[in-house]
Protein backbone atom coordinates (compact mmCIF):
# COMPACT_ATOMS: atom_id res chain seq x y z
CA MET A 1 -11.52 -29.84 -15.41
CA ALA A 2 -12.57 -28.51 -18.84
CA ARG A 3 -12.00 -24.82 -19.32
CA ASN A 4 -13.80 -22.52 -21.67
CA LYS A 5 -11.15 -21.40 -24.18
CA THR A 6 -12.74 -17.97 -24.55
CA LYS A 7 -12.37 -17.35 -20.83
CA TYR A 8 -8.72 -18.35 -20.49
CA ARG A 9 -5.70 -17.47 -22.56
CA ARG A 10 -2.38 -19.23 -22.60
CA LEU A 11 0.89 -17.51 -21.74
CA GLU A 12 4.23 -19.04 -22.58
CA LEU A 13 6.80 -18.07 -19.99
CA ARG A 14 10.45 -19.05 -20.03
CA LEU A 15 12.33 -19.08 -16.74
CA PRO A 16 15.83 -20.20 -15.81
CA ALA A 17 16.06 -23.84 -14.79
CA ASP A 18 16.98 -22.84 -11.22
CA HIS A 19 14.01 -20.47 -10.79
CA PRO A 20 12.27 -20.94 -7.38
CA LEU A 21 8.98 -21.70 -9.14
CA PHE A 22 10.44 -25.07 -10.13
CA ASN A 23 10.67 -26.01 -6.45
CA TYR A 24 6.90 -26.64 -6.60
CA PRO A 25 5.57 -29.97 -7.89
CA SER A 26 4.72 -29.90 -11.61
CA GLY A 27 0.97 -30.01 -10.95
CA GLN A 28 1.11 -26.89 -8.76
CA ARG A 29 3.42 -24.59 -10.76
CA ALA A 30 0.82 -22.97 -13.02
CA ALA A 31 -1.49 -22.15 -10.11
CA ARG A 32 1.41 -20.78 -8.06
CA ALA A 33 2.68 -18.70 -11.01
CA ARG A 34 -0.84 -17.29 -11.50
CA GLU A 35 -1.06 -16.47 -7.78
CA LEU A 36 2.34 -14.73 -7.82
CA ILE A 37 1.45 -12.71 -10.91
CA ASP A 38 -1.86 -11.60 -9.35
CA THR A 39 -0.06 -10.64 -6.15
CA ALA A 40 2.52 -8.62 -8.09
CA ILE A 41 -0.21 -6.73 -9.95
CA ARG A 42 -2.02 -5.87 -6.69
CA LEU A 43 1.29 -4.82 -5.15
CA GLU A 44 2.07 -2.58 -8.11
CA GLU A 45 -1.35 -0.92 -7.80
CA ARG A 46 -0.94 -0.43 -4.05
CA LEU A 47 2.56 1.02 -4.46
CA SER A 48 1.23 3.48 -7.03
CA GLU A 49 -1.39 4.63 -4.53
CA ILE A 50 1.26 4.99 -1.80
CA GLU A 51 3.45 7.04 -4.16
CA ARG A 52 0.48 9.29 -4.93
CA GLN A 53 -0.19 9.80 -1.23
CA LEU A 54 3.50 10.48 -0.49
CA ALA A 55 3.59 13.09 -3.26
CA GLY A 56 0.66 14.84 -1.58
CA ILE A 57 2.39 14.73 1.79
CA ALA A 58 5.64 16.04 0.28
CA GLN A 59 3.71 18.86 -1.35
CA LYS A 60 2.24 19.85 2.01
CA LEU A 61 5.63 19.63 3.73
CA THR A 62 7.25 21.93 1.19
CA GLY A 63 4.72 24.59 2.06
CA GLU A 64 2.68 24.44 -1.09
CA ALA A 65 -0.99 25.30 -0.82
CA CYS A 66 -2.39 23.74 2.31
CA THR A 67 -6.15 23.61 1.94
CA SER A 68 -7.01 22.57 5.50
CA THR A 69 -9.44 24.97 7.18
CA ARG A 70 -9.75 22.97 10.37
CA LYS A 71 -9.52 25.16 13.46
CA VAL A 72 -7.44 23.83 16.29
CA PRO A 73 -8.78 24.95 19.68
CA LYS A 74 -6.33 26.92 21.77
CA LYS A 75 -5.77 25.29 25.13
CA THR A 76 -5.33 27.60 28.07
CA LEU A 77 -4.35 26.62 31.55
CA GLU A 78 -5.77 28.69 34.38
CA PHE A 79 -3.73 28.71 37.53
CA ASP A 80 -4.89 30.36 40.75
CA VAL A 81 -1.73 31.69 42.34
CA ASP A 82 -3.51 32.87 45.53
CA ALA A 83 -5.06 29.45 46.14
CA PHE A 84 -1.66 27.85 45.61
CA MET A 85 0.08 30.19 48.00
CA ASN A 86 -2.52 29.48 50.72
CA LEU A 87 -1.82 25.76 50.79
């Protein structure tokens, strides 16, 4: 498959001879390495988002400015003592 050289760039990567990537057949290593790199980048982005969310949660837990204005309805339980006593 011919590739457009302007679309792809080459990356030389040196790994130890016993690296797990070398467990794949030689024709599959580049694709697997590319897949693993893409996965690592997505994971890094997702972890950054989780850290941002955790910082917000920690800020709320430490009592710093809570901006929620949601009203929680107060639940009341009515109990008829006279009706209970007449059972």
